[in-house]
Amino acid sequence: MFTVKMHRSGGDLLLAAADKELLGKKFKEGPLRLEVLPSFYHGEDADEEILLNRLSICSVANLVGENVIKVAIRAGYIESGCVLTIEGVPHAQLAKM
């Protein structure tokens, strides 16, 4: 299960999506830090269909978690080489130009 939340930032529509079990957790590896803030990521519960819909309409995305990342890679939104891993948790950002 995923959680997805849409944010409007100027003219951009930003998607924050995470594997639901990661909400509220913090990860640290070397200089990298990642906090899966509920205020930013927690929105509606989503399945793969909803996640793909939100990815199709956003202009920017922050994606966290193995399952969210797998869906985004399989659908061609991100490349596996562009994924950071912090304490074993994958994280990627997407910007559509």
C-alpha atoms as a PDB file:
ATOM      1  CA  MET A   1       0.000   0.000   0.000  1.00  0.00           C
ATOM      2  CA  PHE A   2       1.191   3.478  -0.870  1.00  0.00           C
ATOM      3  CA  THR A   3       0.386   6.928   0.387  1.00  0.00           C
ATOM      4  CA  VAL A   4       0.261   9.794  -2.109  1.00  0.00           C
ATOM      5  CA  LYS A   5      -0.168  13.508  -1.598  1.00  0.00           C
ATOM      6  CA  MET A   6      -0.310  16.231  -4.213  1.00  0.00           C
ATOM      7  CA  HIS A   7       1.152  19.668  -3.471  1.00  0.00           C
ATOM      8  CA  ARG A   8       0.895  22.790  -5.594  1.00  0.00           C
ATOM      9  CA  SER A   9       4.077  24.859  -5.731  1.00  0.00           C
ATOM     10  CA  GLY A  10       3.788  27.841  -8.033  1.00  0.00           C
ATOM     11  CA  GLY A  11       2.945  26.402 -11.436  1.00  0.00           C
ATOM     12  CA  ASP A  12       4.111  22.902 -10.507  1.00  0.00           C
ATOM     13  CA  LEU A  13       2.093  19.977  -9.244  1.00  0.00           C
ATOM     14  CA  LEU A  14       4.316  17.991  -6.910  1.00  0.00           C
ATOM     15  CA  LEU A  15       3.626  14.367  -5.987  1.00  0.00           C
ATOM     16  CA  ALA A  16       4.910  13.020  -2.695  1.00  0.00           C
ATOM     17  CA  ALA A  17       4.578   9.215  -2.679  1.00  0.00           C
ATOM     18  CA  ALA A  18       5.900   6.637  -0.238  1.00  0.00           C
ATOM     19  CA  ASP A  19       5.467   3.067   0.856  1.00  0.00           C
ATOM     20  CA  LYS A  20       3.006   3.550   3.690  1.00  0.00           C
ATOM     21  CA  GLU A  21       5.048   1.673   6.302  1.00  0.00           C
ATOM     22  CA  LEU A  22       7.849   4.265   5.970  1.00  0.00           C
ATOM     23  CA  LEU A  23       5.761   7.209   7.207  1.00  0.00           C
ATOM     24  CA  GLY A  24       7.365   8.950  10.160  1.00  0.00           C
ATOM     25  CA  LYS A  25      10.712   7.189   9.803  1.00  0.00           C
ATOM     26  CA  LYS A  26      14.161   8.786   9.474  1.00  0.00           C
ATOM     27  CA  PHE A  27      17.102   7.369   7.542  1.00  0.00           C
ATOM     28  CA  LYS A  28      20.737   8.432   7.594  1.00  0.00           C
ATOM     29  CA  GLU A  29      23.744   7.170   5.676  1.00  0.00           C
ATOM     30  CA  GLY A  30      26.922   9.197   5.606  1.00  0.00           C
ATOM     31  CA  PRO A  31      25.990  12.752   4.623  1.00  0.00           C
ATOM     32  CA  LEU A  32      22.574  11.683   3.280  1.00  0.00           C
ATOM     33  CA  ARG A  33      19.439  12.230   5.359  1.00  0.00           C
ATOM     34  CA  LEU A  34      15.859  11.293   4.577  1.00  0.00           C
ATOM     35  CA  GLU A  35      12.829  11.893   6.764  1.00  0.00           C
ATOM     36  CA  VAL A  36       9.497  10.583   5.536  1.00  0.00           C
ATOM     37  CA  LEU A  37       7.427  13.330   7.113  1.00  0.00           C
ATOM     38  CA  PRO A  38       3.720  12.525   7.427  1.00  0.00           C
ATOM     39  CA  SER A  39       2.937  16.216   6.839  1.00  0.00           C
ATOM     40  CA  PHE A  40       4.562  15.972   3.405  1.00  0.00           C
ATOM     41  CA  TYR A  41       3.923  12.372   2.284  1.00  0.00           C
ATOM     42  CA  HIS A  42       0.713  11.277   4.028  1.00  0.00           C
ATOM     43  CA  GLY A  43      -2.321  11.853   1.865  1.00  0.00           C
ATOM     44  CA  GLU A  44      -4.618   9.289   0.349  1.00  0.00           C
ATOM     45  CA  ASP A  45      -4.096   5.556   0.491  1.00  0.00           C
ATOM     46  CA  ALA A  46      -3.233   4.392  -2.997  1.00  0.00           C
ATOM     47  CA  ASP A  47      -2.789   1.259  -5.032  1.00  0.00           C
ATOM     48  CA  GLU A  48      -0.639   0.996  -8.150  1.00  0.00           C
ATOM     49  CA  GLU A  49      -3.378   2.428 -10.394  1.00  0.00           C
ATOM     50  CA  ILE A  50      -3.742   5.589  -8.301  1.00  0.00           C
ATOM     51  CA  LEU A  51       0.045   5.994  -8.037  1.00  0.00           C
ATOM     52  CA  LEU A  52       0.405   5.743 -11.817  1.00  0.00           C
ATOM     53  CA  ASN A  53      -2.402   8.262 -12.299  1.00  0.00           C
ATOM     54  CA  ARG A  54      -0.726  10.775  -9.990  1.00  0.00           C
ATOM     55  CA  LEU A  55       2.647  10.206 -11.685  1.00  0.00           C
ATOM     56  CA  SER A  56       1.011  10.947 -15.039  1.00  0.00           C
ATOM     57  CA  ILE A  57      -0.311  14.349 -13.914  1.00  0.00           C
ATOM     58  CA  CYS A  58       2.495  15.652 -11.705  1.00  0.00           C
ATOM     59  CA  SER A  59       5.348  17.839 -12.920  1.00  0.00           C
ATOM     60  CA  VAL A  60       7.662  16.984 -10.010  1.00  0.00           C
ATOM     61  CA  ALA A  61       7.738  13.951  -7.690  1.00  0.00           C
ATOM     62  CA  ASN A  62       9.497  12.780  -4.541  1.00  0.00           C
ATOM     63  CA  LEU A  63       9.315   8.996  -4.286  1.00  0.00           C
ATOM     64  CA  VAL A  64      10.362   6.859  -1.311  1.00  0.00           C
ATOM     65  CA  GLY A  65      10.268   3.117  -0.782  1.00  0.00           C
ATOM     66  CA  GLU A  66      11.025  -0.077  -2.633  1.00  0.00           C
ATOM     67  CA  ASN A  67       7.486  -0.617  -3.924  1.00  0.00           C
ATOM     68  CA  VAL A  68       6.858   2.975  -5.053  1.00  0.00           C
ATOM     69  CA  ILE A  69      10.203   3.013  -6.857  1.00  0.00           C
ATOM     70  CA  LYS A  70       9.545  -0.345  -8.554  1.00  0.00           C
ATOM     71  CA  VAL A  71       6.257   0.949  -9.981  1.00  0.00           C
ATOM     72  CA  ALA A  72       7.878   4.185 -11.197  1.00  0.00           C
ATOM     73  CA  ILE A  73      10.744   2.301 -12.867  1.00  0.00           C
ATOM     74  CA  ARG A  74       8.457  -0.276 -14.488  1.00  0.00           C
ATOM     75  CA  ALA A  75       6.280   2.529 -15.888  1.00  0.00           C
ATOM     76  CA  GLY A  76       9.301   4.395 -17.251  1.00  0.00           C
ATOM     77  CA  TYR A  77       9.081   7.467 -15.022  1.00  0.00           C
ATOM     78  CA  ILE A  78      12.550   7.003 -13.531  1.00  0.00           C
ATOM     79  CA  GLU A  79      15.673   5.017 -14.353  1.00  0.00           C
ATOM     80  CA  SER A  80      17.159   2.608 -11.834  1.00  0.00           C
ATOM     81  CA  GLY A  81      20.517   4.395 -12.058  1.00  0.00           C
ATOM     82  CA  CYS A  82      18.897   7.576 -10.723  1.00  0.00           C
ATOM     83  CA  VAL A  83      17.775   6.023  -7.441  1.00  0.00           C
ATOM     84  CA  LEU A  84      19.604   6.838  -4.204  1.00  0.00           C
ATOM     85  CA  THR A  85      19.555   4.304  -1.394  1.00  0.00           C
ATOM     86  CA  ILE A  86      19.736   5.548   2.179  1.00  0.00           C
ATOM     87  CA  GLU A  87      19.960   2.828   4.837  1.00  0.00           C
ATOM     88  CA  GLY A  88      18.559   0.416   2.253  1.00  0.00           C
ATOM     89  CA  VAL A  89      15.552   2.632   1.445  1.00  0.00           C
ATOM     90  CA  PRO A  90      15.319   3.785  -2.188  1.00  0.00           C
ATOM     91  CA  HIS A  91      14.553   7.428  -2.916  1.00  0.00           C
ATOM     92  CA  ALA A  92      14.168   9.200  -6.255  1.00  0.00           C
ATOM     93  CA  GLN A  93      13.064  12.552  -7.543  1.00  0.00           C
ATOM     94  CA  LEU A  94      11.378  13.232 -10.846  1.00  0.00           C
ATOM     95  CA  ALA A  95      11.178  16.491 -12.771  1.00  0.00           C
ATOM     96  CA  LYS A  96       9.296  16.556 -16.052  1.00  0.00           C
ATOM     97  CA  MET A  97      10.589  19.071 -18.546  1.00  0.00           C
END
